[in-house]
């Protein structure tokens, strides 16, 4: 599956323990990443400073659902379950 541009659920719903430029201690679940722009696009996409966890994330329908709203709900659920 291709990432839905402008979704941003993977940059908001999960916690990220890795350092992110502008968020040296990572980010808590439910907090918008500072690198997510006003169009929900990653400012670090393609940049060598993008955290490995972000590089390794591959969108799949079972995680991202069929809509941006579904993605937020599923990823939030998975975050809470782990």
N, C-alpha and C. Protein backbone atom coordinates (compact mmCIF):
# COMPACT_ATOMS: atom_id res chain seq x y z
N UNK A 1 0.85 -1.18 0.00
CA UNK A 1 0.00 0.00 0.00
C UNK A 1 0.89 1.23 0.00
N UNK A 2 0.46 2.26 -0.68
CA UNK A 2 1.16 3.54 -0.68
C UNK A 2 0.66 4.39 0.49
N UNK A 3 1.53 5.17 1.06
CA UNK A 3 1.17 6.10 2.12
C UNK A 3 0.17 7.12 1.56
N UNK A 4 -0.88 7.43 2.35
CA UNK A 4 -1.83 8.47 1.94
C UNK A 4 -1.25 9.82 2.33
N UNK A 5 -0.85 10.60 1.35
CA UNK A 5 -0.30 11.93 1.63
C UNK A 5 -1.28 12.75 2.43
N UNK A 6 -0.78 13.40 3.46
CA UNK A 6 -1.62 14.25 4.28
C UNK A 6 -2.32 13.53 5.42
N UNK A 7 -2.06 12.25 5.60
CA UNK A 7 -2.69 11.49 6.69
C UNK A 7 -2.07 11.91 8.02
N UNK A 8 -0.79 11.63 8.21
CA UNK A 8 -0.07 12.04 9.41
C UNK A 8 -0.33 11.21 10.66
N UNK A 9 -1.19 10.19 10.58
CA UNK A 9 -1.51 9.39 11.77
C UNK A 9 -0.27 8.77 12.39
N UNK A 10 0.68 8.31 11.57
CA UNK A 10 1.89 7.67 12.10
C UNK A 10 2.84 8.68 12.73
N UNK A 11 2.56 9.97 12.54
CA UNK A 11 3.38 11.04 13.13
C UNK A 11 2.69 11.69 14.33
N UNK A 12 1.51 11.19 14.66
CA UNK A 12 0.74 11.74 15.78
C UNK A 12 0.42 10.64 16.81
N UNK A 13 -0.19 9.56 16.37
CA UNK A 13 -0.72 8.54 17.29
C UNK A 13 0.34 7.80 18.11
N UNK A 14 1.42 7.31 17.51
CA UNK A 14 2.35 6.50 18.31
C UNK A 14 3.36 7.34 19.09
N UNK A 15 3.87 6.73 20.15
CA UNK A 15 5.01 7.33 20.82
C UNK A 15 6.25 6.98 20.01
N UNK A 16 7.24 7.86 20.04
CA UNK A 16 8.51 7.61 19.37
C UNK A 16 9.60 7.88 20.40
N UNK A 17 10.35 6.85 20.77
CA UNK A 17 11.37 7.02 21.80
C UNK A 17 12.68 7.56 21.23
N UNK A 18 12.85 7.48 19.93
CA UNK A 18 14.06 8.00 19.28
C UNK A 18 14.06 9.52 19.28
N UNK A 19 15.25 10.07 19.30
CA UNK A 19 15.39 11.52 19.16
C UNK A 19 14.94 11.94 17.77
N UNK A 20 14.23 13.05 17.72
CA UNK A 20 13.75 13.64 16.47
C UNK A 20 14.27 15.08 16.48
N UNK A 21 14.78 15.58 15.37
CA UNK A 21 15.18 16.99 15.37
C UNK A 21 14.03 17.88 15.86
N UNK A 22 14.30 18.64 16.90
CA UNK A 22 13.27 19.47 17.51
C UNK A 22 12.56 18.79 18.68
N UNK A 23 12.75 17.48 18.81
CA UNK A 23 12.18 16.70 19.91
C UNK A 23 13.25 15.71 20.37
N UNK A 24 14.28 16.20 21.04
CA UNK A 24 15.43 15.34 21.38
C UNK A 24 15.10 14.14 22.27
N UNK A 25 13.99 14.21 23.00
CA UNK A 25 13.61 13.09 23.87
C UNK A 25 12.54 12.21 23.23
N UNK A 26 12.30 12.40 21.92
CA UNK A 26 11.25 11.66 21.24
C UNK A 26 9.92 12.36 21.44
N UNK A 27 8.82 11.63 21.20
CA UNK A 27 7.50 12.23 21.38
C UNK A 27 6.54 11.24 22.02
N UNK A 28 5.66 11.74 22.87
CA UNK A 28 4.66 10.88 23.47
C UNK A 28 3.53 10.54 22.48
N UNK A 29 2.84 9.47 22.76
CA UNK A 29 1.68 9.09 21.94
C UNK A 29 0.65 10.22 21.95
N UNK A 30 0.05 10.45 20.80
CA UNK A 30 -1.00 11.46 20.69
C UNK A 30 -0.49 12.88 20.50
N UNK A 31 0.81 13.07 20.54
CA UNK A 31 1.40 14.39 20.36
C UNK A 31 1.89 14.51 18.92
N UNK A 32 1.55 15.59 18.28
CA UNK A 32 1.95 15.85 16.90
C UNK A 32 3.47 16.05 16.84
N UNK A 33 4.14 15.36 15.94
CA UNK A 33 5.58 15.54 15.74
C UNK A 33 5.83 16.95 15.23
N UNK A 34 6.87 17.61 15.75
CA UNK A 34 7.18 18.97 15.32
C UNK A 34 7.62 19.01 13.86
N UNK A 35 7.98 17.87 13.29
CA UNK A 35 8.41 17.82 11.89
C UNK A 35 7.25 17.60 10.93
N UNK A 36 6.04 17.49 11.45
CA UNK A 36 4.86 17.34 10.61
C UNK A 36 4.35 18.73 10.25
N UNK A 37 4.31 19.03 8.95
CA UNK A 37 3.92 20.39 8.55
C UNK A 37 2.40 20.57 8.55
N UNK A 38 1.96 21.75 8.16
CA UNK A 38 0.52 22.09 8.20
C UNK A 38 -0.31 21.24 7.24
N UNK A 39 0.34 20.57 6.28
CA UNK A 39 -0.36 19.68 5.36
C UNK A 39 -0.21 18.21 5.76
N UNK A 40 0.26 17.98 6.98
CA UNK A 40 0.52 16.63 7.50
C UNK A 40 1.54 15.88 6.66
N UNK A 41 2.56 16.59 6.20
CA UNK A 41 3.67 15.98 5.48
C UNK A 41 4.94 16.13 6.32
N UNK A 42 5.77 15.10 6.30
CA UNK A 42 7.00 15.10 7.09
C UNK A 42 8.05 16.01 6.47
N UNK A 43 8.53 16.94 7.27
CA UNK A 43 9.61 17.83 6.80
C UNK A 43 10.94 17.09 6.64
N UNK A 44 11.06 15.93 7.28
CA UNK A 44 12.31 15.17 7.24
C UNK A 44 12.30 14.05 6.20
N UNK A 45 11.21 13.92 5.46
CA UNK A 45 11.12 12.83 4.48
C UNK A 45 12.30 12.94 3.51
N UNK A 46 13.05 11.85 3.38
CA UNK A 46 14.22 11.83 2.52
C UNK A 46 15.47 12.43 3.13
N UNK A 47 15.38 12.92 4.36
CA UNK A 47 16.52 13.54 5.04
C UNK A 47 17.23 12.49 5.90
N UNK A 48 18.55 12.58 5.96
CA UNK A 48 19.34 11.59 6.74
C UNK A 48 19.10 11.70 8.24
N UNK A 49 18.50 12.79 8.72
CA UNK A 49 18.23 12.93 10.15
C UNK A 49 16.88 12.32 10.55
N UNK A 50 16.14 11.81 9.60
CA UNK A 50 14.86 11.16 9.91
C UNK A 50 15.13 9.93 10.76
N UNK A 51 14.42 9.76 11.88
CA UNK A 51 14.67 8.61 12.76
C UNK A 51 14.44 7.27 12.05
N UNK A 52 15.23 6.28 12.43
CA UNK A 52 15.14 4.95 11.83
C UNK A 52 13.74 4.37 11.97
N UNK A 53 13.09 4.58 13.10
CA UNK A 53 11.75 4.04 13.30
C UNK A 53 10.79 4.59 12.25
N UNK A 54 10.99 5.83 11.86
CA UNK A 54 10.15 6.44 10.82
C UNK A 54 10.49 5.86 9.45
N UNK A 55 11.77 5.69 9.20
CA UNK A 55 12.20 5.09 7.93
C UNK A 55 11.67 3.67 7.77
N UNK A 56 11.64 2.93 8.87
CA UNK A 56 11.24 1.53 8.84
C UNK A 56 9.73 1.32 8.75
N UNK A 57 8.94 2.34 9.07
CA UNK A 57 7.47 2.18 9.02
C UNK A 57 7.01 2.02 7.58
N UNK A 58 6.26 0.96 7.34
CA UNK A 58 5.69 0.70 6.02
C UNK A 58 4.16 0.64 6.16
N UNK A 59 3.45 1.49 5.45
CA UNK A 59 2.00 1.49 5.57
C UNK A 59 1.39 0.19 5.05
N UNK A 60 0.46 -0.33 5.81
CA UNK A 60 -0.31 -1.51 5.41
C UNK A 60 -1.76 -1.25 5.79
N UNK A 61 -2.68 -1.87 5.08
CA UNK A 61 -4.09 -1.62 5.35
C UNK A 61 -4.50 -2.04 6.76
N UNK A 62 -3.88 -3.09 7.31
CA UNK A 62 -4.25 -3.52 8.66
C UNK A 62 -3.84 -2.50 9.72
N UNK A 63 -2.88 -1.65 9.42
CA UNK A 63 -2.45 -0.60 10.36
C UNK A 63 -3.05 0.76 9.98
N UNK A 64 -3.13 1.03 8.70
CA UNK A 64 -3.56 2.35 8.23
C UNK A 64 -5.03 2.42 7.82
N UNK A 65 -5.69 1.28 7.74
CA UNK A 65 -7.10 1.28 7.37
C UNK A 65 -7.32 1.81 5.96
N UNK A 66 -8.54 2.24 5.71
CA UNK A 66 -8.91 2.74 4.39
C UNK A 66 -9.01 4.26 4.36
N UNK A 67 -8.99 4.89 5.54
CA UNK A 67 -9.09 6.35 5.61
C UNK A 67 -8.11 6.88 6.65
N UNK A 68 -7.89 8.19 6.63
CA UNK A 68 -7.00 8.81 7.62
C UNK A 68 -7.57 8.63 9.02
N UNK A 69 -8.89 8.75 9.17
CA UNK A 69 -9.53 8.58 10.48
C UNK A 69 -9.32 7.15 10.99
N UNK A 70 -9.49 6.17 10.11
CA UNK A 70 -9.25 4.78 10.51
C UNK A 70 -7.80 4.59 10.94
N UNK A 71 -6.87 5.19 10.21
CA UNK A 71 -5.45 5.07 10.56
C UNK A 71 -5.21 5.59 11.97
N UNK A 72 -5.76 6.74 12.28
CA UNK A 72 -5.57 7.32 13.62
C UNK A 72 -6.15 6.39 14.69
N UNK A 73 -7.32 5.86 14.45
CA UNK A 73 -7.95 4.96 15.43
C UNK A 73 -7.15 3.68 15.61
N UNK A 74 -6.73 3.06 14.51
CA UNK A 74 -6.00 1.79 14.59
C UNK A 74 -4.64 1.98 15.25
N UNK A 75 -3.90 2.99 14.81
CA UNK A 75 -2.56 3.20 15.38
C UNK A 75 -2.65 3.60 16.84
N UNK A 76 -3.66 4.39 17.21
CA UNK A 76 -3.86 4.73 18.62
C UNK A 76 -4.18 3.49 19.44
N UNK A 77 -5.03 2.63 18.91
CA UNK A 77 -5.36 1.38 19.60
C UNK A 77 -4.10 0.53 19.78
N UNK A 78 -3.33 0.36 18.70
CA UNK A 78 -2.11 -0.45 18.78
C UNK A 78 -1.12 0.14 19.78
N UNK A 79 -1.00 1.44 19.81
CA UNK A 79 -0.11 2.10 20.78
C UNK A 79 -0.54 1.77 22.21
N UNK A 80 -1.83 1.85 22.47
CA UNK A 80 -2.34 1.56 23.80
C UNK A 80 -2.22 0.10 24.20
N UNK A 81 -2.22 -0.77 23.20
CA UNK A 81 -2.16 -2.22 23.47
C UNK A 81 -0.73 -2.72 23.65
N UNK A 82 0.24 -1.87 23.36
CA UNK A 82 1.64 -2.34 23.47
C UNK A 82 2.40 -1.65 24.57
